[in-house]
C-alpha atoms as a PDB file:
ATOM      1  CA  MET A   1      67.718  69.729 103.716  1.00  0.00           C
ATOM      2  CA  ASN A   2      68.914  71.828 106.661  1.00  0.00           C
ATOM      3  CA  PRO A   3      69.076  75.458 105.446  1.00  0.00           C
ATOM      4  CA  LEU A   4      71.371  76.543 108.277  1.00  0.00           C
ATOM      5  CA  VAL A   5      75.080  77.109 107.618  1.00  0.00           C
ATOM      6  CA  HIS A   6      77.495  76.666 110.496  1.00  0.00           C
ATOM      7  CA  LEU A   7      80.072  79.431 110.153  1.00  0.00           C
ATOM      8  CA  ALA A   8      83.019  79.391 112.563  1.00  0.00           C
ATOM      9  CA  ILE A   9      84.261  82.869 113.462  1.00  0.00           C
ATOM     10  CA  HIS A  10      87.654  83.309 115.090  1.00  0.00           C
ATOM     11  CA  PRO A  11      88.120  85.932 117.855  1.00  0.00           C
ATOM     12  CA  SER A  12      90.340  87.921 115.471  1.00  0.00           C
ATOM     13  CA  GLN A  13      87.089  88.892 113.737  1.00  0.00           C
ATOM     14  CA  PHE A  14      84.943  89.435 116.827  1.00  0.00           C
ATOM     15  CA  PRO A  15      83.314  92.894 116.889  1.00  0.00           C
ATOM     16  CA  ASP A  16      85.530  94.334 119.631  1.00  0.00           C
ATOM     17  CA  GLN A  17      88.705  93.312 117.814  1.00  0.00           C
ATOM     18  CA  VAL A  18      87.431  94.570 114.472  1.00  0.00           C
ATOM     19  CA  ARG A  19      86.609  97.901 116.095  1.00  0.00           C
ATOM     20  CA  GLN A  20      90.110  98.168 117.521  1.00  0.00           C
ATOM     21  CA  ASP A  21      91.594  97.345 114.118  1.00  0.00           C
ATOM     22  CA  LEU A  22      89.424 100.043 112.543  1.00  0.00           C
ATOM     23  CA  LEU A  23      90.517 102.637 115.081  1.00  0.00           C
ATOM     24  CA  ASN A  24      94.141 101.688 114.562  1.00  0.00           C
ATOM     25  CA  SER A  25      93.730 102.035 110.781  1.00  0.00           C
ATOM     26  CA  LEU A  26      92.422 105.577 111.207  1.00  0.00           C
ATOM     27  CA  ARG A  27      94.988 106.443 113.869  1.00  0.00           C
ATOM     28  CA  THR A  28      97.938 105.342 111.722  1.00  0.00           C
ATOM     29  CA  ARG A  29      96.305 106.488 108.467  1.00  0.00           C
ATOM     30  CA  GLN A  30      97.121 103.085 107.005  1.00  0.00           C
ATOM     31  CA  VAL A  31      93.972 101.078 106.343  1.00  0.00           C
ATOM     32  CA  ASN A  32      94.015  97.373 107.078  1.00  0.00           C
ATOM     33  CA  HIS A  33      93.137  95.693 103.788  1.00  0.00           C
ATOM     34  CA  LYS A  34      90.486  93.564 105.442  1.00  0.00           C
ATOM     35  CA  PHE A  35      88.207  96.594 105.700  1.00  0.00           C
ATOM     36  CA  HIS A  36      87.784  96.631 101.931  1.00  0.00           C
ATOM     37  CA  TYR A  37      85.869  93.325 102.132  1.00  0.00           C
ATOM     38  CA  ASP A  38      83.973  93.996 105.354  1.00  0.00           C
ATOM     39  CA  SER A  39      80.461  94.582 104.047  1.00  0.00           C
ATOM     40  CA  VAL A  40      78.354  92.765 101.484  1.00  0.00           C
ATOM     41  CA  LYS A  41      78.502  95.917  99.332  1.00  0.00           C
ATOM     42  CA  GLN A  42      82.314  95.944  99.373  1.00  0.00           C
ATOM     43  CA  ALA A  43      82.508  92.218  98.691  1.00  0.00           C
ATOM     44  CA  GLN A  44      80.221  92.602  95.680  1.00  0.00           C
ATOM     45  CA  LYS A  45      82.263  95.543  94.349  1.00  0.00           C
ATOM     46  CA  TRP A  46      85.443  93.504  94.703  1.00  0.00           C
ATOM     47  CA  LEU A  47      83.893  90.530  92.909  1.00  0.00           C
ATOM     48  CA  ALA A  48      82.800  92.818  90.062  1.00  0.00           C
ATOM     49  CA  LEU A  49      86.303  94.307  89.864  1.00  0.00           C
ATOM     50  CA  HIS A  50      87.791  90.811  89.868  1.00  0.00           C
ATOM     51  CA  GLN A  51      85.520  89.886  86.977  1.00  0.00           C
ATOM     52  CA  ILE A  52      86.871  92.802  84.903  1.00  0.00           C
ATOM     53  CA  TYR A  53      90.589  92.717  85.666  1.00  0.00           C
ATOM     54  CA  SER A  54      91.500  89.238  86.928  1.00  0.00           C
ATOM     55  CA  PRO A  55      93.727  87.417  84.397  1.00  0.00           C
ATOM     56  CA  THR A  56      91.949  84.149  85.239  1.00  0.00           C
ATOM     57  CA  ARG A  57      88.736  85.676  83.893  1.00  0.00           C
ATOM     58  CA  ASN A  58      90.208  87.353  80.832  1.00  0.00           C
ATOM     59  CA  ASP A  59      93.309  85.400  79.810  1.00  0.00           C
ATOM     60  CA  ALA A  60      92.910  81.833  78.565  1.00  0.00           C
ATOM     61  CA  ASP A  61      96.638  81.229  79.100  1.00  0.00           C
ATOM     62  CA  CYS A  62      96.291  82.222  82.747  1.00  0.00           C
ATOM     63  CA  LEU A  63      93.345  79.898  83.243  1.00  0.00           C
ATOM     64  CA  ALA A  64      95.358  77.080  81.678  1.00  0.00           C
ATOM     65  CA  VAL A  65      98.268  77.718  84.050  1.00  0.00           C
ATOM     66  CA  TYR A  66      96.003  77.307  87.061  1.00  0.00           C
ATOM     67  CA  GLU A  67      94.468  74.131  85.640  1.00  0.00           C
ATOM     68  CA  GLN A  68      97.945  72.681  85.110  1.00  0.00           C
ATOM     69  CA  SER A  69      98.878  73.470  88.707  1.00  0.00           C
ATOM     70  CA  PHE A  70      95.671  71.846  89.990  1.00  0.00           C
ATOM     71  CA  SER A  71      96.384  68.680  88.020  1.00  0.00           C
ATOM     72  CA  ALA A  72      99.975  68.567  89.303  1.00  0.00           C
ATOM     73  CA  ALA A  73      98.856  69.034  92.907  1.00  0.00           C
ATOM     74  CA  ALA A  74      96.308  66.225  92.567  1.00  0.00           C
ATOM     75  CA  ALA A  75      99.044  63.938  91.202  1.00  0.00           C
ATOM     76  CA  GLN A  76     101.442  64.795  94.065  1.00  0.00           C
ATOM     77  CA  ILE A  77      99.022  63.788  96.829  1.00  0.00           C
ATOM     78  CA  ALA A  78      99.136  60.102  97.644  1.00  0.00           C
ATOM     79  CA  THR A  79      96.512  59.856 100.392  1.00  0.00           C
ATOM     80  CA  PRO A  80      92.852  59.093  99.580  1.00  0.00           C
ATOM     81  CA  GLN A  81      91.611  62.078 101.548  1.00  0.00           C
ATOM     82  CA  VAL A  82      92.623  65.691 101.006  1.00  0.00           C
ATOM     83  CA  VAL A  83      91.293  68.909 102.451  1.00  0.00           C
ATOM     84  CA  VAL A  84      91.746  72.208 100.632  1.00  0.00           C
ATOM     85  CA  VAL A  85      92.260  75.151 102.979  1.00  0.00           C
ATOM     86  CA  GLY A  86      91.477  78.295 100.998  1.00  0.00           C
ATOM     87  CA  LEU A  87      93.352  81.144 102.680  1.00  0.00           C
ATOM     88  CA  GLY A  88      91.709  84.318 101.403  1.00  0.00           C
ATOM     89  CA  CYS A  89      89.206  82.256  99.422  1.00  0.00           C
ATOM     90  CA  GLY A  90      87.441  85.229  97.813  1.00  0.00           C
ATOM     91  CA  GLY A  91      84.559  83.938  95.735  1.00  0.00           C
ATOM     92  CA  GLY A  92      86.022  80.419  95.721  1.00  0.00           C
ATOM     93  CA  GLN A  93      86.156  79.983  91.931  1.00  0.00           C
ATOM     94  CA  LYS A  94      89.759  78.760  91.801  1.00  0.00           C
ATOM     95  CA  ASP A  95      89.333  76.541  94.857  1.00  0.00           C
ATOM     96  CA  THR A  96      86.248  74.952  93.321  1.00  0.00           C
ATOM     97  CA  ARG A  97      88.112  74.123  90.124  1.00  0.00           C
ATOM     98  CA  LEU A  98      90.901  72.603  92.235  1.00  0.00           C
ATOM     99  CA  LEU A  99      88.358  70.504  94.153  1.00  0.00           C
ATOM    100  CA  LYS A 100      86.982  69.220  90.846  1.00  0.00           C
ATOM    101  CA  GLN A 101      90.463  68.128  89.758  1.00  0.00           C
ATOM    102  CA  LEU A 102      91.093  66.387  93.079  1.00  0.00           C
ATOM    103  CA  THR A 103      87.764  64.553  92.868  1.00  0.00           C
ATOM    104  CA  ALA A 104      88.410  63.543  89.267  1.00  0.00           C
ATOM    105  CA  ALA A 105      91.769  62.095  90.373  1.00  0.00           C
ATOM    106  CA  GLY A 106      89.967  59.830  92.854  1.00  0.00           C
ATOM    107  CA  HIS A 107      90.492  61.802  96.056  1.00  0.00           C
ATOM    108  CA  THR A 108      87.815  62.346  98.675  1.00  0.00           C
ATOM    109  CA  ALA A 109      87.983  66.097  99.043  1.00  0.00           C
ATOM    110  CA  GLY A 110      87.015  68.451 101.839  1.00  0.00           C
ATOM    111  CA  TYR A 111      87.073  72.224 101.867  1.00  0.00           C
ATOM    112  CA  ALA A 112      87.699  74.961 104.416  1.00  0.00           C
ATOM    113  CA  PRO A 113      87.014  78.355 102.786  1.00  0.00           C
ATOM    114  CA  CYS A 114      88.738  81.014 104.907  1.00  0.00           C
ATOM    115  CA  ASP A 115      88.545  84.801 104.698  1.00  0.00           C
ATOM    116  CA  VAL A 116      88.027  87.899 106.825  1.00  0.00           C
ATOM    117  CA  ALA A 117      84.658  88.544 105.171  1.00  0.00           C
ATOM    118  CA  SER A 118      81.706  86.341 106.078  1.00  0.00           C
ATOM    119  CA  ALA A 119      80.050  87.219 102.771  1.00  0.00           C
ATOM    120  CA  LEU A 120      82.996  85.911 100.741  1.00  0.00           C
ATOM    121  CA  VAL A 121      83.302  82.742 102.808  1.00  0.00           C
ATOM    122  CA  LEU A 122      79.623  81.984 102.231  1.00  0.00           C
ATOM    123  CA  ILE A 123      79.937  82.684  98.489  1.00  0.00           C
ATOM    124  CA  ALA A 124      82.967  80.369  98.280  1.00  0.00           C
ATOM    125  CA  ARG A 125      81.152  77.664 100.223  1.00  0.00           C
ATOM    126  CA  GLN A 126      78.172  77.887  97.901  1.00  0.00           C
ATOM    127  CA  ALA A 127      80.402  77.542  94.846  1.00  0.00           C
ATOM    128  CA  ALA A 128      82.184  74.516  96.304  1.00  0.00           C
ATOM    129  CA  LEU A 129      78.941  72.673  97.098  1.00  0.00           C
ATOM    130  CA  ALA A 130      78.833  71.691  93.440  1.00  0.00           C
ATOM    131  CA  VAL A 131      81.756  69.377  94.282  1.00  0.00           C
ATOM    132  CA  VAL A 132      81.939  68.936  98.055  1.00  0.00           C
ATOM    133  CA  PRO A 133      78.961  67.889 100.206  1.00  0.00           C
ATOM    134  CA  PRO A 134      78.016  70.217 103.105  1.00  0.00           C
ATOM    135  CA  GLU A 135      79.332  67.838 105.761  1.00  0.00           C
ATOM    136  CA  ARG A 136      82.852  68.126 104.280  1.00  0.00           C
ATOM    137  CA  CYS A 137      82.757  71.904 104.003  1.00  0.00           C
ATOM    138  CA  HIS A 138      83.972  73.911 107.041  1.00  0.00           C
ATOM    139  CA  PRO A 139      83.801  77.693 106.461  1.00  0.00           C
ATOM    140  CA  LEU A 140      86.055  79.763 108.709  1.00  0.00           C
ATOM    141  CA  VAL A 141      86.236  83.523 109.252  1.00  0.00           C
ATOM    142  CA  PHE A 142      89.481  84.928 110.640  1.00  0.00           C
ATOM    143  CA  ASP A 143      92.110  87.603 110.181  1.00  0.00           C
ATOM    144  CA  LEU A 144      95.154  85.778 108.834  1.00  0.00           C
ATOM    145  CA  ALA A 145      97.492  88.560 109.922  1.00  0.00           C
ATOM    146  CA  ALA A 146      96.242  88.569 113.518  1.00  0.00           C
ATOM    147  CA  ALA A 147      95.161  85.012 114.360  1.00  0.00           C
ATOM    148  CA  THR A 148      98.219  83.389 115.933  1.00  0.00           C
ATOM    149  CA  ASP A 149      96.565  80.108 116.946  1.00  0.00           C
ATOM    150  CA  LEU A 150      95.494  78.882 113.515  1.00  0.00           C
ATOM    151  CA  PRO A 151      97.559  75.662 113.686  1.00  0.00           C
ATOM    152  CA  GLU A 152      95.445  74.641 116.686  1.00  0.00           C
ATOM    153  CA  VAL A 153      92.244  75.754 114.960  1.00  0.00           C
ATOM    154  CA  PHE A 154      93.020  73.659 111.902  1.00  0.00           C
ATOM    155  CA  ALA A 155      93.986  70.666 114.060  1.00  0.00           C
ATOM    156  CA  GLU A 156      90.556  70.792 115.698  1.00  0.00           C
ATOM    157  CA  THR A 157      88.597  71.489 112.511  1.00  0.00           C
ATOM    158  CA  LEU A 158      90.179  69.456 109.713  1.00  0.00           C
ATOM    159  CA  ALA A 159      90.218  65.675 109.274  1.00  0.00           C
ATOM    160  CA  PRO A 160      93.536  64.502 110.800  1.00  0.00           C
ATOM    161  CA  GLN A 161      94.025  61.681 108.276  1.00  0.00           C
ATOM    162  CA  ALA A 162      93.672  63.960 105.258  1.00  0.00           C
ATOM    163  CA  THR A 163      96.554  65.595 103.404  1.00  0.00           C
ATOM    164  CA  ARG A 164      96.245  69.344 103.725  1.00  0.00           C
ATOM    165  CA  LEU A 165      96.536  71.443 100.591  1.00  0.00           C
ATOM    166  CA  PHE A 166      96.559  75.174 101.332  1.00  0.00           C
ATOM    167  CA  THR A 167      95.745  77.703  98.645  1.00  0.00           C
ATOM    168  CA  PHE A 168      96.923  81.295  98.797  1.00  0.00           C
ATOM    169  CA  PHE A 169      95.784  82.830  95.533  1.00  0.00           C
ATOM    170  CA  GLY A 170      96.470  86.475  94.778  1.00  0.00           C
ATOM    171  CA  MET A 171      96.940  87.379  98.437  1.00  0.00           C
ATOM    172  CA  ILE A 172     100.687  87.840  98.851  1.00  0.00           C
ATOM    173  CA  PRO A 173     100.818  91.335  97.267  1.00  0.00           C
ATOM    174  CA  ASN A 174      98.622  92.800 100.023  1.00  0.00           C
ATOM    175  CA  PHE A 175     100.786  91.742 102.974  1.00  0.00           C
ATOM    176  CA  GLU A 176     104.139  92.928 104.195  1.00  0.00           C
ATOM    177  CA  PRO A 177     106.564  90.120 103.222  1.00  0.00           C
ATOM    178  CA  SER A 178     108.262  90.162 106.634  1.00  0.00           C
ATOM    179  CA  SER A 179     104.975  89.316 108.382  1.00  0.00           C
ATOM    180  CA  ILE A 180     103.042  87.071 106.021  1.00  0.00           C
ATOM    181  CA  LEU A 181     105.785  84.626 105.026  1.00  0.00           C
ATOM    182  CA  PRO A 182     106.557  83.490 108.595  1.00  0.00           C
ATOM    183  CA  ARG A 183     102.811  83.191 109.195  1.00  0.00           C
ATOM    184  CA  LEU A 184     102.336  80.925 106.185  1.00  0.00           C
ATOM    185  CA  ALA A 185     105.282  78.785 107.239  1.00  0.00           C
ATOM    186  CA  SER A 186     103.765  78.388 110.715  1.00  0.00           C
ATOM    187  CA  LEU A 187     100.506  77.020 109.271  1.00  0.00           C
ATOM    188  CA  LEU A 188     102.005  74.228 107.201  1.00  0.00           C
ATOM    189  CA  LYS A 189     103.135  71.010 108.848  1.00  0.00           C
ATOM    190  CA  ILE A 190     105.884  68.881 107.370  1.00  0.00           C
ATOM    191  CA  GLY A 191     104.378  67.238 104.290  1.00  0.00           C
ATOM    192  CA  ASP A 192     101.622  69.794 103.767  1.00  0.00           C
ATOM    193  CA  PHE A 193     101.275  71.313 100.304  1.00  0.00           C
ATOM    194  CA  MET A 194     100.459  74.852  99.225  1.00  0.00           C
ATOM    195  CA  LEU A 195      99.406  76.293  95.895  1.00  0.00           C
ATOM    196  CA  PHE A 196     100.564  79.869  95.907  1.00  0.00           C
ATOM    197  CA  SER A 197      99.987  82.481  93.233  1.00  0.00           C
ATOM    198  CA  ALA A 198     101.548  85.887  92.786  1.00  0.00           C
ATOM    199  CA  ASN A 199     100.950  88.842  90.512  1.00  0.00           C
ATOM    200  CA  LEU A 200     104.254  89.370  88.745  1.00  0.00           C
ATOM    201  CA  ALA A 201     106.111  92.268  87.192  1.00  0.00           C
ATOM    202  CA  PRO A 202     106.302  91.163  83.539  1.00  0.00           C
ATOM    203  CA  GLY A 203     109.403  91.173  81.384  1.00  0.00           C
ATOM    204  CA  PRO A 204     113.137  91.219  82.124  1.00  0.00           C
ATOM    205  CA  ASP A 205     113.148  94.818  83.415  1.00  0.00           C
ATOM    206  CA  TYR A 206     111.562  94.750  86.878  1.00  0.00           C
ATOM    207  CA  THR A 207     110.856  98.495  87.117  1.00  0.00           C
ATOM    208  CA  ALA A 208     109.425  98.660  83.612  1.00  0.00           C
ATOM    209  CA  GLY A 209     107.258  95.630  84.417  1.00  0.00           C
ATOM    210  CA  VAL A 210     105.754  97.320  87.469  1.00  0.00           C
ATOM    211  CA  GLN A 211     105.002 100.411  85.414  1.00  0.00           C
ATOM    212  CA  LYS A 212     103.359  98.286  82.720  1.00  0.00           C
ATOM    213  CA  ILE A 213     100.730  96.857  85.068  1.00  0.00           C
ATOM    214  CA  PHE A 214     100.002 100.252  86.693  1.00  0.00           C
ATOM    215  CA  PRO A 215      96.718 100.705  84.716  1.00  0.00           C
ATOM    216  CA  GLN A 216      95.348  97.499  86.247  1.00  0.00           C
ATOM    217  CA  TYR A 217      95.109  99.448  89.509  1.00  0.00           C
ATOM    218  CA  ASP A 218      94.783 103.078  88.470  1.00  0.00           C
ATOM    219  CA  ASN A 219      91.245 102.810  87.113  1.00  0.00           C
ATOM    220  CA  ALA A 220      87.722 103.842  88.054  1.00  0.00           C
ATOM    221  CA  PRO A 221      86.402 100.453  89.355  1.00  0.00           C
ATOM    222  CA  THR A 222      89.395  99.988  91.676  1.00  0.00           C
ATOM    223  CA  ARG A 223      89.161 103.533  93.035  1.00  0.00           C
ATOM    224  CA  GLU A 224      85.408 103.108  93.585  1.00  0.00           C
ATOM    225  CA  TRP A 225      85.918  99.855  95.488  1.00  0.00           C
ATOM    226  CA  LEU A 226      88.645 101.309  97.721  1.00  0.00           C
ATOM    227  CA  LEU A 227      86.838 104.601  98.338  1.00  0.00           C
ATOM    228  CA  THR A 228      83.818 102.741  99.698  1.00  0.00           C
ATOM    229  CA  PHE A 229      85.651 102.393 103.016  1.00  0.00           C
ATOM    230  CA  LEU A 230      85.953 106.170 103.476  1.00  0.00           C
ATOM    231  CA  LEU A 231      82.534 106.979 102.016  1.00  0.00           C
ATOM    232  CA  ASP A 232      80.872 104.602 104.484  1.00  0.00           C
ATOM    233  CA  LEU A 233      82.591 106.513 107.316  1.00  0.00           C
ATOM    234  CA  GLY A 234      81.134 109.813 106.151  1.00  0.00           C
ATOM    235  CA  VAL A 235      83.968 111.163 104.003  1.00  0.00           C
ATOM    236  CA  GLU A 236      82.673 112.937 100.896  1.00  0.00           C
ATOM    237  CA  ARG A 237      84.152 112.565  97.428  1.00  0.00           C
ATOM    238  CA  GLY A 238      84.880 116.282  97.332  1.00  0.00           C
ATOM    239  CA  ASP A 239      87.008 116.067 100.492  1.00  0.00           C
ATOM    240  CA  GLY A 240      90.038 114.992  98.498  1.00  0.00           C
ATOM    241  CA  GLU A 241      91.423 113.019  95.600  1.00  0.00           C
ATOM    242  CA  PHE A 242      92.583 109.463  95.103  1.00  0.00           C
ATOM    243  CA  ARG A 243      96.074 108.842  93.705  1.00  0.00           C
ATOM    244  CA  PHE A 244      98.008 105.715  92.806  1.00  0.00           C
ATOM    245  CA  GLU A 245     101.805 105.764  92.945  1.00  0.00           C
ATOM    246  CA  ILE A 246     104.697 103.304  92.740  1.00  0.00           C
ATOM    247  CA  GLU A 247     106.941 102.980  95.799  1.00  0.00           C
ATOM    248  CA  ALA A 248     110.208 101.139  96.398  1.00  0.00           C
ATOM    249  CA  ASP A 249     110.430  99.120  99.617  1.00  0.00           C
ATOM    250  CA  PRO A 250     114.099  99.012 100.746  1.00  0.00           C
ATOM    251  CA  ALA A 251     113.439  96.277 103.312  1.00  0.00           C
ATOM    252  CA  SER A 252     112.274  93.696 100.755  1.00  0.00           C
ATOM    253  CA  GLY A 253     113.843  95.078  97.586  1.00  0.00           C
ATOM    254  CA  LEU A 254     110.390  95.000  96.003  1.00  0.00           C
ATOM    255  CA  GLN A 255     108.272  97.705  94.459  1.00  0.00           C
ATOM    256  CA  ARG A 256     104.631  98.180  95.255  1.00  0.00           C
ATOM    257  CA  LEU A 257     101.660 100.123  93.969  1.00  0.00           C
ATOM    258  CA  VAL A 258     100.118 102.339  96.631  1.00  0.00           C
ATOM    259  CA  GLY A 259      96.686 103.974  96.620  1.00  0.00           C
ATOM    260  CA  GLN A 260      96.170 106.987  98.879  1.00  0.00           C
ATOM    261  CA  PHE A 261      93.355 109.458  99.465  1.00  0.00           C
ATOM    262  CA  HIS A 262      94.753 112.983  99.758  1.00  0.00           C
ATOM    263  CA  PHE A 263      92.550 115.447 101.642  1.00  0.00           C
ATOM    264  CA  THR A 264      92.124 118.803  99.926  1.00  0.00           C
ATOM    265  CA  ARG A 265      89.978 120.191 102.737  1.00  0.00           C
ATOM    266  CA  PRO A 266      89.728 119.416 106.457  1.00  0.00           C
ATOM    267  CA  CYS A 267      87.732 116.317 107.347  1.00  0.00           C
ATOM    268  CA  ARG A 268      86.615 114.655 110.564  1.00  0.00           C
ATOM    269  CA  ILE A 269      85.679 111.007 111.105  1.00  0.00           C
ATOM    270  CA  GLU A 270      83.826 110.042 114.286  1.00  0.00           C
ATOM    271  CA  ILE A 271      83.591 106.465 115.546  1.00  0.00           C
ATOM    272  CA  GLU A 272      81.355 106.798 118.609  1.00  0.00           C
ATOM    273  CA  THR A 273      83.535 108.758 121.066  1.00  0.00           C
ATOM    274  CA  ASP A 274      86.720 108.506 118.983  1.00  0.00           C
ATOM    275  CA  VAL A 275      87.403 111.451 116.685  1.00  0.00           C
ATOM    276  CA  PHE A 276      89.971 111.566 113.895  1.00  0.00           C
ATOM    277  CA  GLU A 277      90.961 114.830 112.259  1.00  0.00           C
ATOM    278  CA  PHE A 278      92.405 114.917 108.755  1.00  0.00           C
ATOM    279  CA  PRO A 279      93.716 118.393 107.882  1.00  0.00           C
ATOM    280  CA  THR A 280      94.225 119.669 104.370  1.00  0.00           C
ATOM    281  CA  GLY A 281      97.300 118.034 102.862  1.00  0.00           C
ATOM    282  CA  SER A 282      97.086 114.846 104.932  1.00  0.00           C
ATOM    283  CA  ALA A 283      96.580 111.434 103.355  1.00  0.00           C
ATOM    284  CA  VAL A 284      95.264 107.970 104.175  1.00  0.00           C
ATOM    285  CA  ARG A 285      96.861 104.915 102.608  1.00  0.00           C
ATOM    286  CA  LEU A 286      93.994 102.718 101.478  1.00  0.00           C
ATOM    287  CA  PHE A 287      95.853 100.021  99.586  1.00  0.00           C
ATOM    288  CA  PHE A 288      99.187  98.581  98.520  1.00  0.00           C
ATOM    289  CA  SER A 289     100.189  95.739  96.244  1.00  0.00           C
ATOM    290  CA  TYR A 290     103.713  94.320  96.017  1.00  0.00           C
ATOM    291  CA  ARG A 291     104.963  92.948  92.720  1.00  0.00           C
ATOM    292  CA  TYR A 292     107.208  89.912  92.594  1.00  0.00           C
ATOM    293  CA  THR A 293     109.193  88.002  89.987  1.00  0.00           C
ATOM    294  CA  PRO A 294     109.461  84.181  89.885  1.00  0.00           C
ATOM    295  CA  ASP A 295     112.982  84.307  91.355  1.00  0.00           C
ATOM    296  CA  ARG A 296     111.875  86.647  94.132  1.00  0.00           C
ATOM    297  CA  VAL A 297     108.978  84.336  94.983  1.00  0.00           C
ATOM    298  CA  GLN A 298     111.200  81.256  95.174  1.00  0.00           C
ATOM    299  CA  SER A 299     113.797  83.012  97.355  1.00  0.00           C
ATOM    300  CA  ALA A 300     111.183  84.428  99.711  1.00  0.00           C
ATOM    301  CA  LEU A 301     109.477  81.051 100.207  1.00  0.00           C
ATOM    302  CA  ALA A 302     112.723  79.097 100.587  1.00  0.00           C
ATOM    303  CA  ALA A 303     113.867  81.434 103.351  1.00  0.00           C
ATOM    304  CA  HIS A 304     110.921  80.173 105.406  1.00  0.00           C
ATOM    305  CA  GLY A 305     111.183  76.444 104.728  1.00  0.00           C
ATOM    306  CA  LEU A 306     108.739  76.347 101.817  1.00  0.00           C
ATOM    307  CA  GLN A 307     110.189  74.480  98.840  1.00  0.00           C
ATOM    308  CA  VAL A 308     108.828  75.201  95.365  1.00  0.00           C
ATOM    309  CA  LEU A 309     108.285  71.851  93.646  1.00  0.00           C
ATOM    310  CA  GLN A 310     106.920  73.231  90.369  1.00  0.00           C
ATOM    311  CA  GLN A 311     105.989  76.579  88.925  1.00  0.00           C
ATOM    312  CA  TRP A 312     103.814  77.750  86.066  1.00  0.00           C
ATOM    313  CA  ILE A 313     104.223  81.226  84.571  1.00  0.00           C
ATOM    314  CA  THR A 314     101.811  82.716  82.042  1.00  0.00           C
ATOM    315  CA  PRO A 315     103.202  83.677  78.614  1.00  0.00           C
ATOM    316  CA  SER A 316     102.573  87.324  79.548  1.00  0.00           C
ATOM    317  CA  THR A 317     104.754  86.726  82.656  1.00  0.00           C
ATOM    318  CA  GLU A 318     102.165  88.676  84.702  1.00  0.00           C
ATOM    319  CA  GLU A 319     100.964  85.721  86.783  1.00  0.00           C
ATOM    320  CA  GLY A 320     102.677  82.765  88.387  1.00  0.00           C
ATOM    321  CA  VAL A 321     101.442  79.721  90.301  1.00  0.00           C
ATOM    322  CA  PHE A 322     103.800  77.801  92.572  1.00  0.00           C
ATOM    323  CA  LEU A 323     103.303  74.349  94.105  1.00  0.00           C
ATOM    324  CA  CYS A 324     105.139  74.275  97.428  1.00  0.00           C
ATOM    325  CA  ARG A 325     105.745  71.785 100.205  1.00  0.00           C
ATOM    326  CA  ARG A 326     106.802  72.299 103.805  1.00  0.00           C
ATOM    327  CA  ILE A 327     110.263  70.855 104.391  1.00  0.00           C
END
């Protein structure tokens, strides 16, 4: 067996571009979320955090909702061949369960695990090999927010006769709606499917729902994962304090949880010849997460030509999965 893994890396994740994105994050004091998955250490911390707080790991009802969506997607696809394109694949656990359902339904399945972190793409690939042989697994590394030529990349990489089923699990909260929704719409051809999940604000009162899930973010494992970015750049824990807050976004009408590091003493970060000064009282935004409701999800997708065929909402109303098709 050939031990080599062929990993395709898009220019959006070439070293020079990553460096420019890092400098821009420090210059604007708004960290690109991809830098929280950049190293093996960060990826492992995120996977550990996911194990503790992800509803799919701790809520049987949530797991059942995903399984129902996988079964429905398998039933919707009429072609013998299907390729799952895992956008932001993470550790690949959900995609692997989807691949099992597709195979059980008689489909010949392929898989393209996609993420900004090589470590996560390789972990997802390894998980999927229990279902998909290596020759039908095409791992891709790219920055979804920056790679504008992905339709061409997928046309060259994926089997043209296969139905394409995109997955976008748990990713939508960490993107600005005005940028990510048009990007998703540009990736799907007419007839393509997408399984899309969103963390939801539970209950009938949107504001109260956002406040209810606040502890899922304001906790020690999440702070430790997010702080790794600054610590690896030389910032010390005593240079400031980490705070989570809830913000309203007038442009989208949504609320989001925001994590910022507030400097309580002057700090300097040096990236080769580039120097960034952070005076006392300044802050760096490390993270944000938008919260949706089922109605808000449907409206946002429909505005970009993505029709929701079915939806599954957990009894807690904290998680929703949506089967969509490009129209």
